[in-house]
Amino acid sequence: FHANQGLVEGWLPTLLLLRDYNIPSFFTMYSEMELKYSFQILLKLEMHIRDSGPSPFTSQKPEQVQACPNKPPVYCNSYYVCFQGLLPQEDLEGPGAVN
């Protein structure tokens, strides 16, 4: 998903279904900044992030971002995040939490 405020609202029901039904999901992002913003969203939704980083399937062709013509070209699918279900309970409670 493209992590910007307007599109996040449209993705919210889908993200919640993916989380609640414990469906393994793999999403790609075009930049490290989009990956970081996506992390913030997924962590607010208490998603269990399994893996992330530079994508082995990145595009070999640079493309100009339509909204930012003065920025350097980006490579599609440059980063990825893999998530499934809710964060484990111990991660939600934090270190040293008393049960």
PDB file of N, CA and C in Angstrom:
ATOM      1  N   PHE A   1       0.842  -1.181   0.000  1.00  0.00           N
ATOM      2  CA  PHE A   1       0.000   0.000   0.000  1.00  0.00           C
ATOM      3  C   PHE A   1       0.874   1.227   0.000  1.00  0.00           C
ATOM      4  N   HIS A   2       0.360   2.282  -0.567  1.00  0.00           N
ATOM      5  CA  HIS A   2       1.091   3.538  -0.612  1.00  0.00           C
ATOM      6  C   HIS A   2       0.751   4.307   0.656  1.00  0.00           C
ATOM      7  N   ALA A   3       1.736   4.485   1.495  1.00  0.00           N
ATOM      8  CA  ALA A   3       1.511   5.030   2.834  1.00  0.00           C
ATOM      9  C   ALA A   3       1.441   6.553   2.834  1.00  0.00           C
ATOM     10  N   ASN A   4       0.299   7.068   2.459  1.00  0.00           N
ATOM     11  CA  ASN A   4       0.046   8.488   2.698  1.00  0.00           C
ATOM     12  C   ASN A   4      -1.330   8.604   3.328  1.00  0.00           C
ATOM     13  N   GLN A   5      -1.583   9.703   3.965  1.00  0.00           N
ATOM     14  CA  GLN A   5      -2.755   9.825   4.830  1.00  0.00           C
ATOM     15  C   GLN A   5      -4.072   9.508   4.120  1.00  0.00           C
ATOM     16  N   GLY A   6      -4.277   9.982   2.915  1.00  0.00           N
ATOM     17  CA  GLY A   6      -5.541   9.742   2.229  1.00  0.00           C
ATOM     18  C   GLY A   6      -5.738   8.288   1.855  1.00  0.00           C
ATOM     19  N   LEU A   7      -4.682   7.637   1.377  1.00  0.00           N
ATOM     20  CA  LEU A   7      -4.799   6.245   0.954  1.00  0.00           C
ATOM     21  C   LEU A   7      -4.837   5.277   2.129  1.00  0.00           C
ATOM     22  N   VAL A   8      -4.235   5.657   3.245  1.00  0.00           N
ATOM     23  CA  VAL A   8      -4.243   4.792   4.424  1.00  0.00           C
ATOM     24  C   VAL A   8      -5.676   4.524   4.873  1.00  0.00           C
ATOM     25  N   GLU A   9      -6.506   5.544   4.841  1.00  0.00           N
ATOM     26  CA  GLU A   9      -7.899   5.378   5.275  1.00  0.00           C
ATOM     27  C   GLU A   9      -8.621   4.356   4.407  1.00  0.00           C
ATOM     28  N   GLY A  10      -8.325   4.332   3.115  1.00  0.00           N
ATOM     29  CA  GLY A  10      -8.926   3.355   2.229  1.00  0.00           C
ATOM     30  C   GLY A  10      -8.403   1.944   2.465  1.00  0.00           C
ATOM     31  N   TRP A  11      -7.150   1.846   2.885  1.00  0.00           N
ATOM     32  CA  TRP A  11      -6.535   0.543   3.143  1.00  0.00           C
ATOM     33  C   TRP A  11      -6.868  -0.010   4.524  1.00  0.00           C
ATOM     34  N   LEU A  12      -7.311   0.833   5.434  1.00  0.00           N
ATOM     35  CA  LEU A  12      -7.505   0.415   6.825  1.00  0.00           C
ATOM     36  C   LEU A  12      -8.360  -0.841   6.968  1.00  0.00           C
ATOM     37  N   PRO A  13      -9.539  -0.941   6.353  1.00  0.00           N
ATOM     38  CA  PRO A  13     -10.336  -2.171   6.521  1.00  0.00           C
ATOM     39  C   PRO A  13      -9.594  -3.422   6.031  1.00  0.00           C
ATOM     40  N   THR A  14      -8.869  -3.291   4.928  1.00  0.00           N
ATOM     41  CA  THR A  14      -8.112  -4.429   4.392  1.00  0.00           C
ATOM     42  C   THR A  14      -6.989  -4.827   5.339  1.00  0.00           C
ATOM     43  N   LEU A  15      -6.261  -3.842   5.849  1.00  0.00           N
ATOM     44  CA  LEU A  15      -5.173  -4.143   6.784  1.00  0.00           C
ATOM     45  C   LEU A  15      -5.702  -4.824   8.045  1.00  0.00           C
ATOM     46  N   LEU A  16      -6.834  -4.357   8.545  1.00  0.00           N
ATOM     47  CA  LEU A  16      -7.418  -4.970   9.741  1.00  0.00           C
ATOM     48  C   LEU A  16      -7.859  -6.409   9.463  1.00  0.00           C
ATOM     49  N   LEU A  17      -8.426  -6.666   8.290  1.00  0.00           N
ATOM     50  CA  LEU A  17      -8.808  -8.041   7.937  1.00  0.00           C
ATOM     51  C   LEU A  17      -7.584  -8.943   7.808  1.00  0.00           C
ATOM     52  N   LEU A  18      -6.533  -8.442   7.169  1.00  0.00           N
ATOM     53  CA  LEU A  18      -5.299  -9.228   7.044  1.00  0.00           C
ATOM     54  C   LEU A  18      -4.756  -9.579   8.429  1.00  0.00           C
ATOM     55  N   ARG A  19      -4.792  -8.603   9.333  1.00  0.00           N
ATOM     56  CA  ARG A  19      -4.313  -8.825  10.702  1.00  0.00           C
ATOM     57  C   ARG A  19      -5.204  -9.799  11.451  1.00  0.00           C
ATOM     58  N   ASP A  20      -6.504  -9.546  11.451  1.00  0.00           N
ATOM     59  CA  ASP A  20      -7.430 -10.337  12.257  1.00  0.00           C
ATOM     60  C   ASP A  20      -7.561 -11.783  11.777  1.00  0.00           C
ATOM     61  N   TYR A  21      -7.412 -12.005  10.471  1.00  0.00           N
ATOM     62  CA  TYR A  21      -7.480 -13.368   9.937  1.00  0.00           C
ATOM     63  C   TYR A  21      -6.109 -14.016   9.826  1.00  0.00           C
ATOM     64  N   ASN A  22      -5.080 -13.341  10.362  1.00  0.00           N
ATOM     65  CA  ASN A  22      -3.735 -13.898  10.462  1.00  0.00           C
ATOM     66  C   ASN A  22      -3.183 -14.317   9.090  1.00  0.00           C
ATOM     67  N   ILE A  23      -3.429 -13.480   8.083  1.00  0.00           N
ATOM     68  CA  ILE A  23      -3.013 -13.785   6.713  1.00  0.00           C
ATOM     69  C   ILE A  23      -1.598 -13.264   6.478  1.00  0.00           C
ATOM     70  N   PRO A  24      -0.673 -14.144   6.085  1.00  0.00           N
ATOM     71  CA  PRO A  24       0.678 -13.672   5.762  1.00  0.00           C
ATOM     72  C   PRO A  24       0.609 -12.684   4.598  1.00  0.00           C
ATOM     73  N   SER A  25       1.270 -11.530   4.746  1.00  0.00           N
ATOM     74  CA  SER A  25       1.191 -10.479   3.738  1.00  0.00           C
ATOM     75  C   SER A  25       2.572  -9.939   3.419  1.00  0.00           C
ATOM     76  N   PHE A  26       2.790  -9.634   2.154  1.00  0.00           N
ATOM     77  CA  PHE A  26       4.072  -9.128   1.663  1.00  0.00           C
ATOM     78  C   PHE A  26       3.785  -7.902   0.806  1.00  0.00           C
ATOM     79  N   PHE A  27       4.237  -6.741   1.243  1.00  0.00           N
ATOM     80  CA  PHE A  27       4.009  -5.493   0.511  1.00  0.00           C
ATOM     81  C   PHE A  27       5.347  -4.882   0.152  1.00  0.00           C
ATOM     82  N   THR A  28       5.401  -4.217  -0.996  1.00  0.00           N
ATOM     83  CA  THR A  28       6.628  -3.534  -1.398  1.00  0.00           C
ATOM     84  C   THR A  28       6.418  -2.026  -1.365  1.00  0.00           C
ATOM     85  N   MET A  29       7.527  -1.312  -1.201  1.00  0.00           N
ATOM     86  CA  MET A  29       7.524   0.143  -1.159  1.00  0.00           C
ATOM     87  C   MET A  29       8.597   0.665  -2.105  1.00  0.00           C
ATOM     88  N   TYR A  30       8.418   1.885  -2.587  1.00  0.00           N
ATOM     89  CA  TYR A  30       9.390   2.422  -3.540  1.00  0.00           C
ATOM     90  C   TYR A  30      10.550   3.163  -2.886  1.00  0.00           C
ATOM     91  N   SER A  31      10.457   3.490  -1.595  1.00  0.00           N
ATOM     92  CA  SER A  31      11.543   4.224  -0.953  1.00  0.00           C
ATOM     93  C   SER A  31      11.651   3.833   0.516  1.00  0.00           C
ATOM     94  N   GLU A  32      12.792   4.141   1.092  1.00  0.00           N
ATOM     95  CA  GLU A  32      13.002   3.862   2.513  1.00  0.00           C
ATOM     96  C   GLU A  32      12.077   4.726   3.372  1.00  0.00           C
ATOM     97  N   MET A  33      11.796   5.946   2.922  1.00  0.00           N
ATOM     98  CA  MET A  33      10.892   6.814   3.665  1.00  0.00           C
ATOM     99  C   MET A  33       9.481   6.213   3.700  1.00  0.00           C
ATOM    100  N   GLU A  34       9.011   5.674   2.582  1.00  0.00           N
ATOM    101  CA  GLU A  34       7.700   5.045   2.566  1.00  0.00           C
ATOM    102  C   GLU A  34       7.684   3.808   3.467  1.00  0.00           C
ATOM    103  N   LEU A  35       8.792   3.063   3.508  1.00  0.00           N
ATOM    104  CA  LEU A  35       8.898   1.898   4.387  1.00  0.00           C
ATOM    105  C   LEU A  35       8.778   2.327   5.852  1.00  0.00           C
ATOM    106  N   LYS A  36       9.475   3.384   6.235  1.00  0.00           N
ATOM    107  CA  LYS A  36       9.423   3.862   7.619  1.00  0.00           C
ATOM    108  C   LYS A  36       8.014   4.325   7.993  1.00  0.00           C
ATOM    109  N   TYR A  37       7.357   5.033   7.088  1.00  0.00           N
ATOM    110  CA  TYR A  37       5.999   5.501   7.349  1.00  0.00           C
ATOM    111  C   TYR A  37       5.039   4.317   7.450  1.00  0.00           C
ATOM    112  N   SER A  38       5.248   3.319   6.611  1.00  0.00           N
ATOM    113  CA  SER A  38       4.427   2.105   6.660  1.00  0.00           C
ATOM    114  C   SER A  38       4.610   1.388   7.996  1.00  0.00           C
ATOM    115  N   PHE A  39       5.852   1.343   8.497  1.00  0.00           N
ATOM    116  CA  PHE A  39       6.111   0.755   9.817  1.00  0.00           C
ATOM    117  C   PHE A  39       5.277   1.429  10.892  1.00  0.00           C
ATOM    118  N   GLN A  40       5.243   2.755  10.863  1.00  0.00           N
ATOM    119  CA  GLN A  40       4.481   3.497  11.867  1.00  0.00           C
ATOM    120  C   GLN A  40       3.010   3.082  11.833  1.00  0.00           C
ATOM    121  N   ILE A  41       2.459   2.973  10.645  1.00  0.00           N
ATOM    122  CA  ILE A  41       1.054   2.592  10.500  1.00  0.00           C
ATOM    123  C   ILE A  41       0.837   1.169  11.001  1.00  0.00           C
ATOM    124  N   LEU A  42       1.693   0.241  10.574  1.00  0.00           N
ATOM    125  CA  LEU A  42       1.523  -1.160  10.951  1.00  0.00           C
ATOM    126  C   LEU A  42       1.699  -1.364  12.456  1.00  0.00           C
ATOM    127  N   LEU A  43       2.607  -0.626  13.065  1.00  0.00           N
ATOM    128  CA  LEU A  43       2.807  -0.754  14.511  1.00  0.00           C
ATOM    129  C   LEU A  43       1.635  -0.165  15.286  1.00  0.00           C
ATOM    130  N   LYS A  44       1.035   0.912  14.794  1.00  0.00           N
ATOM    131  CA  LYS A  44      -0.172   1.449  15.435  1.00  0.00           C
ATOM    132  C   LYS A  44      -1.309   0.435  15.393  1.00  0.00           C
ATOM    133  N   LEU A  45      -1.340  -0.368  14.325  1.00  0.00           N
ATOM    134  CA  LEU A  45      -2.360  -1.406  14.185  1.00  0.00           C
ATOM    135  C   LEU A  45      -1.963  -2.704  14.900  1.00  0.00           C
ATOM    136  N   GLU A  46      -0.828  -2.662  15.600  1.00  0.00           N
ATOM    137  CA  GLU A  46      -0.317  -3.805  16.369  1.00  0.00           C
ATOM    138  C   GLU A  46      -0.077  -5.032  15.495  1.00  0.00           C
ATOM    139  N   MET A  47       0.421  -4.780  14.277  1.00  0.00           N
ATOM    140  CA  MET A  47       0.759  -5.859  13.355  1.00  0.00           C
ATOM    141  C   MET A  47       2.063  -6.514  13.779  1.00  0.00           C
ATOM    142  N   HIS A  48       2.143  -7.810  13.575  1.00  0.00           N
ATOM    143  CA  HIS A  48       3.382  -8.543  13.833  1.00  0.00           C
ATOM    144  C   HIS A  48       4.216  -8.506  12.553  1.00  0.00           C
ATOM    145  N   ILE A  49       5.221  -7.647  12.528  1.00  0.00           N
ATOM    146  CA  ILE A  49       6.102  -7.516  11.369  1.00  0.00           C
ATOM    147  C   ILE A  49       7.137  -8.627  11.452  1.00  0.00           C
ATOM    148  N   ARG A  50       7.145  -9.492  10.449  1.00  0.00           N
ATOM    149  CA  ARG A  50       8.032 -10.658  10.417  1.00  0.00           C
ATOM    150  C   ARG A  50       9.394 -10.339   9.818  1.00  0.00           C
ATOM    151  N   ASP A  51       9.406  -9.482   8.797  1.00  0.00           N
ATOM    152  CA  ASP A  51      10.668  -9.185   8.113  1.00  0.00           C
ATOM    153  C   ASP A  51      10.490  -7.917   7.285  1.00  0.00           C
ATOM    154  N   SER A  52      11.591  -7.268   6.976  1.00  0.00           N
ATOM    155  CA  SER A  52      11.557  -6.087   6.122  1.00  0.00           C
ATOM    156  C   SER A  52      12.971  -5.780   5.666  1.00  0.00           C
ATOM    157  N   GLY A  53      13.072  -4.918   4.668  1.00  0.00           N
ATOM    158  CA  GLY A  53      14.381  -4.493   4.209  1.00  0.00           C
ATOM    159  C   GLY A  53      14.418  -4.237   2.721  1.00  0.00           C
ATOM    160  N   PRO A  54      15.633  -4.131   2.166  1.00  0.00           N
ATOM    161  CA  PRO A  54      15.762  -3.948   0.719  1.00  0.00           C
ATOM    162  C   PRO A  54      15.207  -5.181   0.003  1.00  0.00           C
ATOM    163  N   SER A  55      14.495  -4.947  -1.065  1.00  0.00           N
ATOM    164  CA  SER A  55      13.839  -6.030  -1.788  1.00  0.00           C
ATOM    165  C   SER A  55      14.778  -6.686  -2.792  1.00  0.00           C
ATOM    166  N   PRO A  56      14.791  -8.021  -2.823  1.00  0.00           N
ATOM    167  CA  PRO A  56      15.581  -8.702  -3.860  1.00  0.00           C
ATOM    168  C   PRO A  56      14.906  -8.615  -5.227  1.00  0.00           C
ATOM    169  N   PHE A  57      13.685  -8.104  -5.271  1.00  0.00           N
ATOM    170  CA  PHE A  57      12.909  -8.016  -6.517  1.00  0.00           C
ATOM    171  C   PHE A  57      12.766  -6.580  -7.003  1.00  0.00           C
ATOM    172  N   THR A  58      13.669  -5.715  -6.627  1.00  0.00           N
ATOM    173  CA  THR A  58      13.583  -4.312  -7.003  1.00  0.00           C
ATOM    174  C   THR A  58      13.658  -4.137  -8.522  1.00  0.00           C
ATOM    175  N   SER A  59      13.013  -3.115  -9.003  1.00  0.00           N
ATOM    176  CA  SER A  59      13.039  -2.803 -10.431  1.00  0.00           C
ATOM    177  C   SER A  59      14.457  -2.442 -10.859  1.00  0.00           C
ATOM    178  N   GLN A  60      14.784  -2.765 -12.070  1.00  0.00           N
ATOM    179  CA  GLN A  60      16.092  -2.400 -12.626  1.00  0.00           C
ATOM    180  C   GLN A  60      16.029  -1.075 -13.384  1.00  0.00           C
ATOM    181  N   LYS A  61      14.823  -0.537 -13.512  1.00  0.00           N
ATOM    182  CA  LYS A  61      14.615   0.690 -14.288  1.00  0.00           C
ATOM    183  C   LYS A  61      14.179   1.823 -13.357  1.00  0.00           C
ATOM    184  N   PRO A  62      14.963   2.888 -13.266  1.00  0.00           N
ATOM    185  CA  PRO A  62      14.548   4.020 -12.421  1.00  0.00           C
ATOM    186  C   PRO A  62      13.362   4.745 -13.040  1.00  0.00           C
ATOM    187  N   GLU A  63      12.475   5.254 -12.167  1.00  0.00           N
ATOM    188  CA  GLU A  63      11.299   5.984 -12.630  1.00  0.00           C
ATOM    189  C   GLU A  63      11.177   7.298 -11.871  1.00  0.00           C
ATOM    190  N   GLN A  64      10.664   8.303 -12.547  1.00  0.00           N
ATOM    191  CA  GLN A  64      10.434   9.607 -11.929  1.00  0.00           C
ATOM    192  C   GLN A  64       9.132   9.566 -11.145  1.00  0.00           C
ATOM    193  N   VAL A  65       9.152  10.044  -9.918  1.00  0.00           N
ATOM    194  CA  VAL A  65       7.939  10.127  -9.108  1.00  0.00           C
ATOM    195  C   VAL A  65       7.082  11.250  -9.670  1.00  0.00           C
ATOM    196  N   GLN A  66       5.828  10.931 -10.003  1.00  0.00           N
ATOM    197  CA  GLN A  66       4.947  11.902 -10.660  1.00  0.00           C
ATOM    198  C   GLN A  66       4.752  13.173  -9.830  1.00  0.00           C
ATOM    199  N   ALA A  67       4.575  13.022  -8.523  1.00  0.00           N
ATOM    200  CA  ALA A  67       4.276  14.170  -7.668  1.00  0.00           C
ATOM    201  C   ALA A  67       5.513  15.000  -7.348  1.00  0.00           C
ATOM    202  N   CYS A  68       6.702  14.451  -7.608  1.00  0.00           N
ATOM    203  CA  CYS A  68       7.941  15.137  -7.234  1.00  0.00           C
ATOM    204  C   CYS A  68       8.939  15.122  -8.400  1.00  0.00           C
ATOM    205  N   PRO A  69       8.700  15.889  -9.444  1.00  0.00           N
ATOM    206  CA  PRO A  69       9.572  15.826 -10.613  1.00  0.00           C
ATOM    207  C   PRO A  69      11.002  16.314 -10.369  1.00  0.00           C
ATOM    208  N   ASN A  70      11.236  17.061  -9.291  1.00  0.00           N
ATOM    209  CA  ASN A  70      12.577  17.570  -9.010  1.00  0.00           C
ATOM    210  C   ASN A  70      13.406  16.622  -8.155  1.00  0.00           C
ATOM    211  N   LYS A  71      12.815  15.521  -7.716  1.00  0.00           N
ATOM    212  CA  LYS A  71      13.555  14.550  -6.906  1.00  0.00           C
ATOM    213  C   LYS A  71      14.186  13.506  -7.815  1.00  0.00           C
ATOM    214  N   PRO A  72      15.231  12.838  -7.308  1.00  0.00           N
ATOM    215  CA  PRO A  72      15.863  11.807  -8.137  1.00  0.00           C
ATOM    216  C   PRO A  72      14.914  10.639  -8.404  1.00  0.00           C
ATOM    217  N   PRO A  73      15.120   9.939  -9.505  1.00  0.00           N
ATOM    218  CA  PRO A  73      14.270   8.784  -9.817  1.00  0.00           C
ATOM    219  C   PRO A  73      14.357   7.708  -8.731  1.00  0.00           C
ATOM    220  N   VAL A  74      13.311   6.900  -8.636  1.00  0.00           N
ATOM    221  CA  VAL A  74      13.269   5.804  -7.661  1.00  0.00           C
ATOM    222  C   VAL A  74      13.126   4.484  -8.412  1.00  0.00           C
ATOM    223  N   TYR A  75      13.415   3.401  -7.716  1.00  0.00           N
ATOM    224  CA  TYR A  75      13.268   2.062  -8.272  1.00  0.00           C
ATOM    225  C   TYR A  75      12.061   1.410  -7.611  1.00  0.00           C
ATOM    226  N   CYS A  76      11.076   1.029  -8.399  1.00  0.00           N
ATOM    227  CA  CYS A  76       9.868   0.402  -7.858  1.00  0.00           C
ATOM    228  C   CYS A  76      10.226  -0.860  -7.081  1.00  0.00           C
ATOM    229  N   ASN A  77       9.453  -1.136  -6.048  1.00  0.00           N
ATOM    230  CA  ASN A  77       9.625  -2.334  -5.221  1.00  0.00           C
ATOM    231  C   ASN A  77      11.004  -2.398  -4.561  1.00  0.00           C
ATOM    232  N   SER A  78      11.565  -1.246  -4.181  1.00  0.00           N
ATOM    233  CA  SER A  78      12.909  -1.199  -3.601  1.00  0.00           C
ATOM    234  C   SER A  78      12.982  -1.796  -2.202  1.00  0.00           C
ATOM    235  N   TYR A  79      11.888  -1.724  -1.454  1.00  0.00           N
ATOM    236  CA  TYR A  79      11.855  -2.221  -0.079  1.00  0.00           C
ATOM    237  C   TYR A  79      10.622  -3.077   0.114  1.00  0.00           C
ATOM    238  N   TYR A  80      10.639  -3.914   1.134  1.00  0.00           N
ATOM    239  CA  TYR A  80       9.479  -4.756   1.412  1.00  0.00           C
ATOM    240  C   TYR A  80       9.241  -4.853   2.907  1.00  0.00           C
ATOM    241  N   VAL A  81       8.027  -5.231   3.251  1.00  0.00           N
ATOM    242  CA  VAL A  81       7.674  -5.550   4.627  1.00  0.00           C
ATOM    243  C   VAL A  81       6.755  -6.773   4.570  1.00  0.00           C
ATOM    244  N   CYS A  82       7.009  -7.700   5.464  1.00  0.00           N
ATOM    245  CA  CYS A  82       6.217  -8.913   5.565  1.00  0.00           C
ATOM    246  C   CYS A  82       5.613  -8.935   6.970  1.00  0.00           C
ATOM    247  N   PHE A  83       4.294  -9.119   7.055  1.00  0.00           N
ATOM    248  CA  PHE A  83       3.646  -9.134   8.362  1.00  0.00           C
ATOM    249  C   PHE A  83       2.569 -10.197   8.391  1.00  0.00           C
ATOM    250  N   GLN A  84       2.226 -10.604   9.617  1.00  0.00           N
ATOM    251  CA  GLN A  84       1.166 -11.601   9.798  1.00  0.00           C
ATOM    252  C   GLN A  84       0.612 -11.503  11.204  1.00  0.00           C
ATOM    253  N   GLY A  85      -0.678 -11.248  11.303  1.00  0.00           N
ATOM    254  CA  GLY A  85      -1.377 -11.266  12.583  1.00  0.00           C
ATOM    255  C   GLY A  85      -0.983 -10.149  13.524  1.00  0.00           C
ATOM    256  N   LEU A  86      -1.379 -10.348  14.780  1.00  0.00           N
ATOM    257  CA  LEU A  86      -1.110  -9.387  15.855  1.00  0.00           C
ATOM    258  C   LEU A  86       0.287  -9.577  16.422  1.00  0.00           C
ATOM    259  N   LEU A  87       0.803  -8.502  17.010  1.00  0.00           N
ATOM    260  CA  LEU A  87       2.051  -8.613  17.756  1.00  0.00           C
ATOM    261  C   LEU A  87       1.877  -9.658  18.854  1.00  0.00           C
ATOM    262  N   PRO A  88       2.910 -10.448  19.140  1.00  0.00           N
ATOM    263  CA  PRO A  88       2.813 -11.358  20.293  1.00  0.00           C
ATOM    264  C   PRO A  88       2.537 -10.563  21.572  1.00  0.00           C
ATOM    265  N   GLN A  89       1.811 -11.148  22.482  1.00  0.00           N
ATOM    266  CA  GLN A  89       1.376 -10.455  23.704  1.00  0.00           C
ATOM    267  C   GLN A  89       2.537  -9.838  24.468  1.00  0.00           C
ATOM    268  N   GLU A  90       3.687 -10.527  24.555  1.00  0.00           N
ATOM    269  CA  GLU A  90       4.814  -9.980  25.311  1.00  0.00           C
ATOM    270  C   GLU A  90       5.347  -8.707  24.665  1.00  0.00           C
ATOM    271  N   ASP A  91       5.250  -8.572  23.328  1.00  0.00           N
ATOM    272  CA  ASP A  91       5.672  -7.348  22.659  1.00  0.00           C
ATOM    273  C   ASP A  91       4.720  -6.199  22.950  1.00  0.00           C
ATOM    274  N   LEU A  92       3.446  -6.487  23.131  1.00  0.00           N
ATOM    275  CA  LEU A  92       2.469  -5.450  23.443  1.00  0.00           C
ATOM    276  C   LEU A  92       2.671  -4.900  24.839  1.00  0.00           C
ATOM    277  N   GLU A  93       3.055  -5.774  25.777  1.00  0.00           N
ATOM    278  CA  GLU A  93       3.207  -5.358  27.164  1.00  0.00           C
ATOM    279  C   GLU A  93       4.526  -4.649  27.410  1.00  0.00           C
ATOM    280  N   GLY A  94       5.526  -4.888  26.583  1.00  0.00           N
ATOM    281  CA  GLY A  94       6.823  -4.243  26.741  1.00  0.00           C
ATOM    282  C   GLY A  94       7.709  -5.029  27.698  1.00  0.00           C
ATOM    283  N   PRO A  95       9.015  -4.699  27.717  1.00  0.00           N
ATOM    284  CA  PRO A  95       9.948  -5.414  28.582  1.00  0.00           C
ATOM    285  C   PRO A  95       9.682  -5.129  30.057  1.00  0.00           C
ATOM    286  N   GLY A  96       9.804  -6.136  30.848  1.00  0.00           N
ATOM    287  CA  GLY A  96       9.652  -5.987  32.294  1.00  0.00           C
ATOM    288  C   GLY A  96       8.225  -5.846  32.766  1.00  0.00           C
ATOM    289  N   ALA A  97       7.262  -6.125  31.912  1.00  0.00           N
ATOM    290  CA  ALA A  97       5.862  -5.996  32.310  1.00  0.00           C
ATOM    291  C   ALA A  97       5.499  -7.109  33.306  1.00  0.00           C
ATOM    292  N   VAL A  98       4.690  -6.764  34.284  1.00  0.00           N
ATOM    293  CA  VAL A  98       4.270  -7.722  35.292  1.00  0.00           C
ATOM    294  C   VAL A  98       2.894  -8.247  34.905  1.00  0.00           C
ATOM    295  N   ASN A  99       2.760  -9.567  34.923  1.00  0.00           N
ATOM    296  CA  ASN A  99       1.457 -10.185  34.583  1.00  0.00           C
ATOM    297  C   ASN A  99       0.611 -10.376  35.789  1.00  0.00           C
TER     298      ASN A  99
END
